Amino acid sequence: MIPSQAHHRRSIRLAGYDYAQAGWYFVTICSHGKTCLFGEVVDRKMRLNGLGVIVKDSWADLVNHYHHITLDALVVMPNHLHGIIVLKPVLDVGVGAGFKPAPTSQGADGLHGLGEIIRGLKTFSARRINQTRFNSGEPVWQRNYYEHVIRGEPALNRIRQYIL
């Protein structure tokens, strides 16, 4: 392949930002191929199907695996989800084990970063979805995700309203 024809991914991450540090993060995760897997919108209301319920339950279960997070607003749409994840300051974190992260996914305090938490959500939900579909190799999620660092209460309130 000629180098000029190669597909170049541009990172949307903030250069030099530590995504394992305490903070509020707005995330959007899309289904593989933006396929409508999780339900449908009827009369302007989202109606989750069984796969959508798995995604919602997997989201809620994250706090049982990553003890340094809390979860805020969430909406599961037909082909994506929007949610807010809060990484707590080190002083707020109790003792407890999470899943073993990749070596670069922990911050200086040893806690899992946002990328590891999203990876966990994708893995947990995809495994359960594929068990339901009787298909262990089918991709469920797109490769990456969108994240936005929430910087202040006005932004938090706007994002919560958008999610609702």
N, C-alpha and C. Protein backbone atom coordinates (compact mmCIF):
# COMPACT_ATOMS: atom_id res chain seq x y z
N MET A 1 0.85 -1.18 0.00
CA MET A 1 0.00 0.00 0.00
C MET A 1 0.89 1.24 0.00
N ILE A 2 0.56 2.18 -0.80
CA ILE A 2 1.29 3.44 -0.85
C ILE A 2 1.01 4.21 0.44
N PRO A 3 2.06 4.75 1.10
CA PRO A 3 1.85 5.44 2.38
C PRO A 3 0.77 6.51 2.35
N SER A 4 0.65 7.24 1.25
CA SER A 4 -0.37 8.29 1.19
C SER A 4 -1.79 7.73 1.16
N GLN A 5 -1.92 6.44 0.82
CA GLN A 5 -3.23 5.81 0.77
C GLN A 5 -3.58 5.12 2.09
N ALA A 6 -2.61 5.01 2.97
CA ALA A 6 -2.84 4.33 4.25
C ALA A 6 -3.86 5.11 5.08
N HIS A 7 -4.65 4.37 5.82
CA HIS A 7 -5.64 5.01 6.70
C HIS A 7 -4.94 5.46 7.97
N HIS A 8 -5.00 6.73 8.26
CA HIS A 8 -4.36 7.27 9.45
C HIS A 8 -5.44 7.66 10.45
N ARG A 9 -5.36 7.07 11.64
CA ARG A 9 -6.31 7.43 12.70
C ARG A 9 -5.74 8.62 13.46
N ARG A 10 -6.58 9.61 13.68
CA ARG A 10 -6.17 10.77 14.46
C ARG A 10 -6.80 10.62 15.84
N SER A 11 -5.97 10.71 16.86
CA SER A 11 -6.47 10.56 18.21
C SER A 11 -7.32 11.77 18.61
N ILE A 12 -8.42 11.49 19.29
CA ILE A 12 -9.25 12.57 19.81
C ILE A 12 -8.93 12.84 21.28
N ARG A 13 -7.99 12.11 21.83
CA ARG A 13 -7.62 12.25 23.23
C ARG A 13 -6.86 13.56 23.44
N LEU A 14 -7.00 14.12 24.63
CA LEU A 14 -6.23 15.32 24.96
C LEU A 14 -4.78 14.95 25.14
N ALA A 15 -3.90 15.59 24.43
CA ALA A 15 -2.48 15.29 24.52
C ALA A 15 -1.98 15.53 25.95
N GLY A 16 -1.32 14.54 26.50
CA GLY A 16 -0.73 14.66 27.83
C GLY A 16 -1.71 14.51 28.98
N TYR A 17 -2.98 14.27 28.70
CA TYR A 17 -3.97 14.15 29.77
C TYR A 17 -3.97 12.73 30.32
N ASP A 18 -4.03 12.59 31.62
CA ASP A 18 -4.05 11.28 32.29
C ASP A 18 -5.49 10.86 32.51
N TYR A 19 -5.97 9.94 31.69
CA TYR A 19 -7.35 9.48 31.77
C TYR A 19 -7.58 8.49 32.91
N ALA A 20 -6.62 8.36 33.80
CA ALA A 20 -6.82 7.59 35.03
C ALA A 20 -7.02 8.52 36.22
N GLN A 21 -6.89 9.82 35.99
CA GLN A 21 -7.06 10.75 37.11
C GLN A 21 -8.54 10.98 37.42
N ALA A 22 -8.79 11.37 38.65
CA ALA A 22 -10.16 11.63 39.09
C ALA A 22 -10.81 12.67 38.18
N GLY A 23 -12.07 12.45 37.88
CA GLY A 23 -12.79 13.39 37.04
C GLY A 23 -14.08 12.79 36.54
N TRP A 24 -14.82 13.62 35.83
CA TRP A 24 -16.10 13.25 35.23
C TRP A 24 -15.89 13.13 33.73
N TYR A 25 -16.34 12.01 33.15
CA TYR A 25 -16.10 11.73 31.74
C TYR A 25 -17.41 11.35 31.04
N PHE A 26 -17.69 12.04 29.95
CA PHE A 26 -18.84 11.72 29.09
C PHE A 26 -18.33 10.79 28.00
N VAL A 27 -18.97 9.65 27.82
CA VAL A 27 -18.54 8.69 26.82
C VAL A 27 -19.69 8.34 25.87
N THR A 28 -19.33 8.07 24.63
CA THR A 28 -20.24 7.56 23.63
C THR A 28 -19.58 6.34 23.01
N ILE A 29 -20.31 5.23 22.99
CA ILE A 29 -19.79 3.99 22.44
C ILE A 29 -20.79 3.50 21.40
N CYS A 30 -20.32 3.22 20.19
CA CYS A 30 -21.21 2.81 19.10
C CYS A 30 -21.10 1.31 18.85
N SER A 31 -22.21 0.73 18.42
CA SER A 31 -22.21 -0.68 18.04
C SER A 31 -21.39 -0.86 16.76
N HIS A 32 -20.92 -2.07 16.57
CA HIS A 32 -20.13 -2.40 15.38
C HIS A 32 -20.95 -2.13 14.13
N GLY A 33 -20.40 -1.33 13.23
CA GLY A 33 -21.09 -0.98 12.00
C GLY A 33 -22.33 -0.13 12.22
N LYS A 34 -22.45 0.42 13.43
CA LYS A 34 -23.61 1.22 13.83
C LYS A 34 -24.94 0.48 13.58
N THR A 35 -24.86 -0.83 13.76
CA THR A 35 -26.04 -1.68 13.60
C THR A 35 -26.98 -1.47 14.78
N CYS A 36 -28.25 -1.36 14.51
CA CYS A 36 -29.25 -1.18 15.58
C CYS A 36 -29.49 -2.52 16.26
N LEU A 37 -28.82 -2.72 17.38
CA LEU A 37 -28.87 -3.98 18.12
C LEU A 37 -29.68 -3.91 19.40
N PHE A 38 -29.83 -2.73 19.99
CA PHE A 38 -30.22 -2.62 21.39
C PHE A 38 -31.68 -2.25 21.62
N GLY A 39 -32.46 -2.09 20.57
CA GLY A 39 -33.86 -1.74 20.71
C GLY A 39 -34.27 -0.74 19.66
N GLU A 40 -35.36 -0.02 19.93
CA GLU A 40 -35.86 0.95 18.97
C GLU A 40 -36.51 2.12 19.69
N VAL A 41 -36.59 3.24 19.00
CA VAL A 41 -37.27 4.42 19.52
C VAL A 41 -38.70 4.38 19.02
N VAL A 42 -39.65 4.42 19.98
CA VAL A 42 -41.07 4.40 19.66
C VAL A 42 -41.71 5.57 20.40
N ASP A 43 -42.38 6.44 19.66
CA ASP A 43 -43.00 7.63 20.25
C ASP A 43 -42.00 8.43 21.09
N ARG A 44 -40.82 8.62 20.52
CA ARG A 44 -39.74 9.42 21.14
C ARG A 44 -39.20 8.83 22.44
N LYS A 45 -39.46 7.55 22.69
CA LYS A 45 -38.94 6.88 23.88
C LYS A 45 -38.16 5.64 23.44
N MET A 46 -37.02 5.44 24.07
CA MET A 46 -36.21 4.28 23.76
C MET A 46 -36.79 3.05 24.44
N ARG A 47 -36.99 2.01 23.64
CA ARG A 47 -37.47 0.72 24.16
C ARG A 47 -36.37 -0.30 23.95
N LEU A 48 -35.74 -0.67 25.05
CA LEU A 48 -34.64 -1.63 24.98
C LEU A 48 -35.18 -3.03 24.68
N ASN A 49 -34.44 -3.74 23.85
CA ASN A 49 -34.73 -5.16 23.67
C ASN A 49 -33.83 -5.93 24.65
N GLY A 50 -33.78 -7.24 24.54
CA GLY A 50 -32.96 -8.03 25.45
C GLY A 50 -31.49 -7.67 25.41
N LEU A 51 -30.96 -7.36 24.23
CA LEU A 51 -29.55 -6.99 24.11
C LEU A 51 -29.29 -5.62 24.75
N GLY A 52 -30.24 -4.72 24.59
CA GLY A 52 -30.12 -3.41 25.23
C GLY A 52 -30.14 -3.51 26.74
N VAL A 53 -30.94 -4.42 27.27
CA VAL A 53 -30.97 -4.64 28.72
C VAL A 53 -29.63 -5.18 29.19
N ILE A 54 -29.01 -6.06 28.40
CA ILE A 54 -27.68 -6.56 28.75
C ILE A 54 -26.68 -5.42 28.84
N VAL A 55 -26.73 -4.50 27.88
CA VAL A 55 -25.82 -3.34 27.90
C VAL A 55 -26.07 -2.50 29.14
N LYS A 56 -27.33 -2.21 29.42
CA LYS A 56 -27.67 -1.40 30.60
C LYS A 56 -27.21 -2.08 31.89
N ASP A 57 -27.44 -3.38 32.00
CA ASP A 57 -27.02 -4.13 33.19
C ASP A 57 -25.50 -4.20 33.30
N SER A 58 -24.81 -4.35 32.17
CA SER A 58 -23.34 -4.39 32.19
C SER A 58 -22.78 -3.06 32.65
N TRP A 59 -23.40 -1.97 32.22
CA TRP A 59 -23.01 -0.63 32.67
C TRP A 59 -23.14 -0.53 34.19
N ALA A 60 -24.32 -0.90 34.70
CA ALA A 60 -24.57 -0.81 36.14
C ALA A 60 -23.61 -1.68 36.93
N ASP A 61 -23.19 -2.80 36.37
CA ASP A 61 -22.31 -3.75 37.05
C ASP A 61 -20.86 -3.27 37.11
N LEU A 62 -20.50 -2.25 36.34
CA LEU A 62 -19.11 -1.78 36.35
C LEU A 62 -18.62 -1.41 37.75
N VAL A 63 -19.50 -0.86 38.58
CA VAL A 63 -19.09 -0.45 39.93
C VAL A 63 -18.68 -1.64 40.79
N ASN A 64 -19.09 -2.84 40.43
CA ASN A 64 -18.69 -4.04 41.16
C ASN A 64 -17.31 -4.54 40.76
N HIS A 65 -16.80 -4.05 39.64
CA HIS A 65 -15.49 -4.45 39.14
C HIS A 65 -14.43 -3.36 39.30
N TYR A 66 -14.87 -2.13 39.26
CA TYR A 66 -13.98 -0.97 39.35
C TYR A 66 -14.47 -0.13 40.53
N HIS A 67 -13.89 -0.35 41.69
CA HIS A 67 -14.41 0.23 42.92
C HIS A 67 -14.13 1.73 43.06
N HIS A 68 -13.36 2.27 42.17
CA HIS A 68 -13.03 3.70 42.23
C HIS A 68 -13.89 4.54 41.28
N ILE A 69 -15.01 3.97 40.84
CA ILE A 69 -15.87 4.74 39.94
C ILE A 69 -17.29 4.82 40.51
N THR A 70 -18.00 5.84 40.05
CA THR A 70 -19.45 5.90 40.20
C THR A 70 -20.00 6.18 38.81
N LEU A 71 -21.25 5.85 38.62
CA LEU A 71 -21.88 6.05 37.33
C LEU A 71 -22.98 7.09 37.47
N ASP A 72 -23.09 7.91 36.47
CA ASP A 72 -24.10 8.97 36.47
C ASP A 72 -25.10 8.64 35.38
N ALA A 73 -25.51 9.60 34.61
CA ALA A 73 -26.55 9.43 33.59
C ALA A 73 -26.13 8.42 32.52
N LEU A 74 -27.12 7.72 31.99
CA LEU A 74 -26.91 6.75 30.92
C LEU A 74 -28.14 6.72 30.04
N VAL A 75 -27.92 6.58 28.73
CA VAL A 75 -28.99 6.21 27.81
C VAL A 75 -28.41 5.21 26.82
N VAL A 76 -29.12 4.13 26.63
CA VAL A 76 -28.78 3.16 25.59
C VAL A 76 -29.73 3.42 24.43
N MET A 77 -29.17 3.70 23.28
CA MET A 77 -29.94 3.97 22.07
C MET A 77 -29.85 2.75 21.15
N PRO A 78 -30.56 2.74 20.01
CA PRO A 78 -30.54 1.55 19.16
C PRO A 78 -29.14 1.09 18.74
N ASN A 79 -28.23 2.04 18.49
CA ASN A 79 -26.90 1.64 18.00
C ASN A 79 -25.74 2.28 18.76
N HIS A 80 -26.01 2.84 19.92
CA HIS A 80 -24.93 3.44 20.72
C HIS A 80 -25.42 3.70 22.13
N LEU A 81 -24.48 4.09 22.97
CA LEU A 81 -24.86 4.54 24.31
C LEU A 81 -24.12 5.82 24.63
N HIS A 82 -24.72 6.62 25.49
CA HIS A 82 -24.09 7.80 26.06
C HIS A 82 -24.13 7.61 27.57
N GLY A 83 -23.03 7.90 28.24
CA GLY A 83 -23.03 7.80 29.69
C GLY A 83 -21.96 8.68 30.32
N ILE A 84 -22.09 8.85 31.61
CA ILE A 84 -21.11 9.62 32.39
C ILE A 84 -20.51 8.69 33.42
N ILE A 85 -19.17 8.62 33.41
CA ILE A 85 -18.41 7.82 34.38
C ILE A 85 -17.62 8.79 35.23
N VAL A 86 -17.65 8.58 36.54
CA VAL A 86 -16.90 9.41 37.48
C VAL A 86 -15.78 8.57 38.08
N LEU A 87 -14.55 8.98 37.87
CA LEU A 87 -13.41 8.36 38.53
C LEU A 87 -13.18 9.14 39.82
N LYS A 88 -13.28 8.43 40.95
CA LYS A 88 -13.19 9.09 42.25
C LYS A 88 -11.74 9.39 42.60
N PRO A 89 -11.53 10.42 43.42
CA PRO A 89 -10.18 10.70 43.92
C PRO A 89 -9.69 9.52 44.75
N VAL A 90 -8.39 9.37 44.85
CA VAL A 90 -7.78 8.26 45.56
C VAL A 90 -8.32 8.14 46.98
N LEU A 91 -8.55 9.24 47.68
CA LEU A 91 -9.01 9.20 49.05
C LEU A 91 -10.40 8.60 49.19
N ASP A 92 -11.20 8.62 48.10
CA ASP A 92 -12.56 8.08 48.14
C ASP A 92 -12.62 6.59 47.83
N VAL A 93 -11.51 6.00 47.44
CA VAL A 93 -11.50 4.63 46.98
C VAL A 93 -11.29 3.68 48.15
N GLY A 94 -12.19 2.72 48.28
CA GLY A 94 -12.04 1.70 49.30
C GLY A 94 -11.15 0.58 48.81
N VAL A 95 -10.89 -0.38 49.66
CA VAL A 95 -10.07 -1.52 49.28
C VAL A 95 -10.92 -2.47 48.46
N GLY A 96 -10.37 -2.98 47.39
CA GLY A 96 -11.08 -3.93 46.56
C GLY A 96 -10.31 -4.15 45.28
N ALA A 97 -10.46 -5.31 44.71
CA ALA A 97 -9.72 -5.65 43.50
C ALA A 97 -10.62 -5.48 42.28
N GLY A 98 -10.06 -4.95 41.23
CA GLY A 98 -10.75 -4.88 39.95
C GLY A 98 -10.16 -5.93 39.04
N PHE A 99 -10.31 -5.76 37.76
CA PHE A 99 -9.70 -6.68 36.81
C PHE A 99 -8.30 -6.21 36.51
N LYS A 100 -7.46 -7.14 36.15
CA LYS A 100 -6.07 -6.81 35.85
C LYS A 100 -6.02 -5.99 34.57
N PRO A 101 -5.48 -4.77 34.64
CA PRO A 101 -5.43 -3.91 33.45
C PRO A 101 -4.18 -4.15 32.63
N ALA A 102 -4.21 -3.62 31.42
CA ALA A 102 -2.99 -3.57 30.63
C ALA A 102 -2.01 -2.67 31.37
N PRO A 103 -0.70 -2.89 31.23
CA PRO A 103 0.27 -2.13 32.01
C PRO A 103 0.16 -0.62 31.87
N THR A 104 -0.32 -0.12 30.74
CA THR A 104 -0.38 1.33 30.55
C THR A 104 -1.73 1.92 30.92
N SER A 105 -2.65 1.11 31.42
CA SER A 105 -3.99 1.64 31.65
C SER A 105 -4.22 2.10 33.08
N GLN A 106 -3.18 2.07 33.91
CA GLN A 106 -3.32 2.52 35.28
C GLN A 106 -2.63 3.86 35.44
N GLY A 107 -3.20 4.68 36.30
CA GLY A 107 -2.59 5.96 36.61
C GLY A 107 -1.49 5.76 37.64
N ALA A 108 -0.89 6.84 38.05
CA ALA A 108 0.20 6.79 39.01
C ALA A 108 -0.26 6.19 40.33
N ASP A 109 -1.53 6.30 40.66
CA ASP A 109 -2.06 5.76 41.92
C ASP A 109 -2.45 4.29 41.80
N GLY A 110 -2.25 3.68 40.61
CA GLY A 110 -2.53 2.26 40.43
C GLY A 110 -3.97 1.93 40.11
N LEU A 111 -4.82 2.93 39.88
CA LEU A 111 -6.22 2.68 39.59
C LEU A 111 -6.43 2.59 38.08
N HIS A 112 -7.46 1.88 37.68
CA HIS A 112 -7.78 1.69 36.28
C HIS A 112 -8.20 3.00 35.64
N GLY A 113 -7.72 3.23 34.44
CA GLY A 113 -8.08 4.42 33.70
C GLY A 113 -9.35 4.22 32.90
N LEU A 114 -9.82 5.30 32.30
CA LEU A 114 -11.06 5.28 31.55
C LEU A 114 -11.05 4.23 30.44
N GLY A 115 -9.95 4.13 29.72
CA GLY A 115 -9.85 3.16 28.63
C GLY A 115 -10.05 1.73 29.09
N GLU A 116 -9.49 1.39 30.24
CA GLU A 116 -9.64 0.05 30.79
C GLU A 116 -11.09 -0.20 31.21
N ILE A 117 -11.74 0.80 31.75
CA ILE A 117 -13.14 0.66 32.17
C ILE A 117 -14.05 0.46 30.96
N ILE A 118 -13.81 1.21 29.90
CA ILE A 118 -14.59 1.04 28.67
C ILE A 118 -14.32 -0.33 28.06
N ARG A 119 -13.07 -0.75 28.06
CA ARG A 119 -12.74 -2.09 27.56
C ARG A 119 -13.52 -3.15 28.34
N GLY A 120 -13.57 -2.98 29.67
CA GLY A 120 -14.32 -3.91 30.50
C GLY A 120 -15.79 -3.94 30.12
N LEU A 121 -16.40 -2.77 29.96
CA LEU A 121 -17.81 -2.71 29.57
C LEU A 121 -18.04 -3.42 28.25
N LYS A 122 -17.20 -3.15 27.27
CA LYS A 122 -17.36 -3.79 25.97
C LYS A 122 -17.21 -5.31 26.08
N THR A 123 -16.22 -5.75 26.84
CA THR A 123 -15.97 -7.18 26.98
C THR A 123 -17.12 -7.88 27.70
N PHE A 124 -17.53 -7.33 28.85
CA PHE A 124 -18.59 -7.96 29.65
C PHE A 124 -19.89 -8.04 28.84
N SER A 125 -20.26 -6.93 28.21
CA SER A 125 -21.53 -6.90 27.48
C SER A 125 -21.46 -7.76 26.23
N ALA A 126 -20.37 -7.69 25.48
CA ALA A 126 -20.26 -8.48 24.24
C ALA A 126 -20.31 -9.98 24.54
N ARG A 127 -19.66 -10.39 25.61
CA ARG A 127 -19.68 -11.81 25.97
C ARG A 127 -21.12 -12.26 26.23
N ARG A 128 -21.86 -11.49 27.01
CA ARG A 128 -23.25 -11.86 27.33
C ARG A 128 -24.16 -11.76 26.10
N ILE A 129 -23.96 -10.74 25.29
CA ILE A 129 -24.76 -10.60 24.07
C ILE A 129 -24.52 -11.77 23.14
N ASN A 130 -23.27 -12.15 22.95
CA ASN A 130 -22.97 -13.24 22.04
C ASN A 130 -23.42 -14.59 22.58
N GLN A 131 -23.45 -14.75 23.89
CA GLN A 131 -24.04 -15.97 24.47
C GLN A 131 -25.53 -16.01 24.14
N THR A 132 -26.19 -14.88 24.24
CA THR A 132 -27.61 -14.79 23.94
C THR A 132 -27.88 -15.09 22.47
N ARG A 133 -26.98 -14.60 21.60
CA ARG A 133 -27.15 -14.80 20.16
C ARG A 133 -26.58 -16.13 19.67
N PHE A 134 -25.97 -16.90 20.59
CA PHE A 134 -25.32 -18.17 20.24
C PHE A 134 -24.26 -17.96 19.17
N ASN A 135 -23.48 -16.89 19.32
CA ASN A 135 -22.44 -16.58 18.35
C ASN A 135 -21.27 -15.95 19.09
N SER A 136 -20.24 -16.73 19.36
CA SER A 136 -19.15 -16.24 20.20
C SER A 136 -18.21 -15.26 19.52
N GLY A 137 -18.17 -15.22 18.20
CA GLY A 137 -17.19 -14.37 17.55
C GLY A 137 -17.71 -13.09 16.93
N GLU A 138 -18.98 -12.84 17.05
CA GLU A 138 -19.60 -11.68 16.39
C GLU A 138 -19.20 -10.39 17.09
N PRO A 139 -18.66 -9.41 16.36
CA PRO A 139 -18.35 -8.14 17.01
C PRO A 139 -19.63 -7.40 17.41
N VAL A 140 -19.57 -6.76 18.57
CA VAL A 140 -20.71 -5.99 19.08
C VAL A 140 -20.42 -4.51 19.02
N TRP A 141 -19.20 -4.12 19.35
CA TRP A 141 -18.84 -2.70 19.50
C TRP A 141 -17.84 -2.27 18.45
N GLN A 142 -17.89 -0.98 18.11
CA GLN A 142 -16.84 -0.39 17.28
C GLN A 142 -15.53 -0.41 18.06
N ARG A 143 -14.45 -0.28 17.34
CA ARG A 143 -13.12 -0.40 17.92
C ARG A 143 -12.84 0.66 18.97
N ASN A 144 -13.26 1.85 18.78
CA ASN A 144 -12.90 2.94 19.68
C ASN A 144 -14.15 3.48 20.36
N TYR A 145 -14.03 4.61 20.98
CA TYR A 145 -15.15 5.28 21.63
C TYR A 145 -14.82 6.76 21.69
N TYR A 146 -15.83 7.56 21.94
CA TYR A 146 -15.65 9.01 22.09
C TYR A 146 -15.70 9.33 23.57
N GLU A 147 -14.83 10.20 24.01
CA GLU A 147 -14.89 10.65 25.40
C GLU A 147 -14.68 12.15 25.44
N HIS A 148 -15.24 12.74 26.48
CA HIS A 148 -15.11 14.18 26.70
C HIS A 148 -14.91 14.39 28.19
N VAL A 149 -13.87 15.12 28.55
CA VAL A 149 -13.63 15.44 29.96
C VAL A 149 -14.60 16.56 30.34
N ILE A 150 -15.41 16.32 31.35
CA ILE A 150 -16.39 17.31 31.79
C ILE A 150 -15.71 18.27 32.75
N ARG A 151 -15.76 19.55 32.43
CA ARG A 151 -15.01 20.55 33.19
C ARG A 151 -15.94 21.58 33.80
N GLY A 152 -16.69 21.16 34.77
CA GLY A 152 -17.52 22.12 35.49
C GLY A 152 -18.98 21.73 35.49
N GLU A 153 -19.70 22.29 36.45
CA GLU A 153 -21.10 21.96 36.65
C GLU A 153 -21.99 22.38 35.48
N PRO A 154 -21.78 23.57 34.88
CA PRO A 154 -22.63 23.92 33.73
C PRO A 154 -22.51 22.89 32.59
N ALA A 155 -21.29 22.45 32.31
CA ALA A 155 -21.09 21.43 31.27
C ALA A 155 -21.74 20.11 31.68
N LEU A 156 -21.58 19.73 32.92
CA LEU A 156 -22.19 18.50 33.43
C LEU A 156 -23.70 18.54 33.25
N ASN A 157 -24.32 19.65 33.60
CA ASN A 157 -25.77 19.77 33.49
C ASN A 157 -26.24 19.72 32.03
N ARG A 158 -25.47 20.35 31.11
CA ARG A 158 -25.81 20.31 29.68
C ARG A 158 -25.73 18.87 29.16
N ILE A 159 -24.68 18.15 29.57
CA ILE A 159 -24.51 16.78 29.11
C ILE A 159 -25.59 15.87 29.68
N ARG A 160 -25.91 16.04 30.95
CA ARG A 160 -27.00 15.26 31.54
C ARG A 160 -28.31 15.50 30.80
N GLN A 161 -28.58 16.75 30.48
CA GLN A 161 -29.81 17.08 29.75
C GLN A 161 -29.80 16.44 28.38
N TYR A 162 -28.66 16.47 27.71
CA TYR A 162 -28.53 15.83 26.39
C TYR A 162 -28.83 14.33 26.50
N ILE A 163 -28.27 13.68 27.52
CA ILE A 163 -28.48 12.25 27.70
C ILE A 163 -29.95 11.96 27.96
N LEU A 164 -30.60 12.78 28.77
CA LEU A 164 -32.03 12.58 29.04
C LEU A 164 -32.85 12.80 27.79
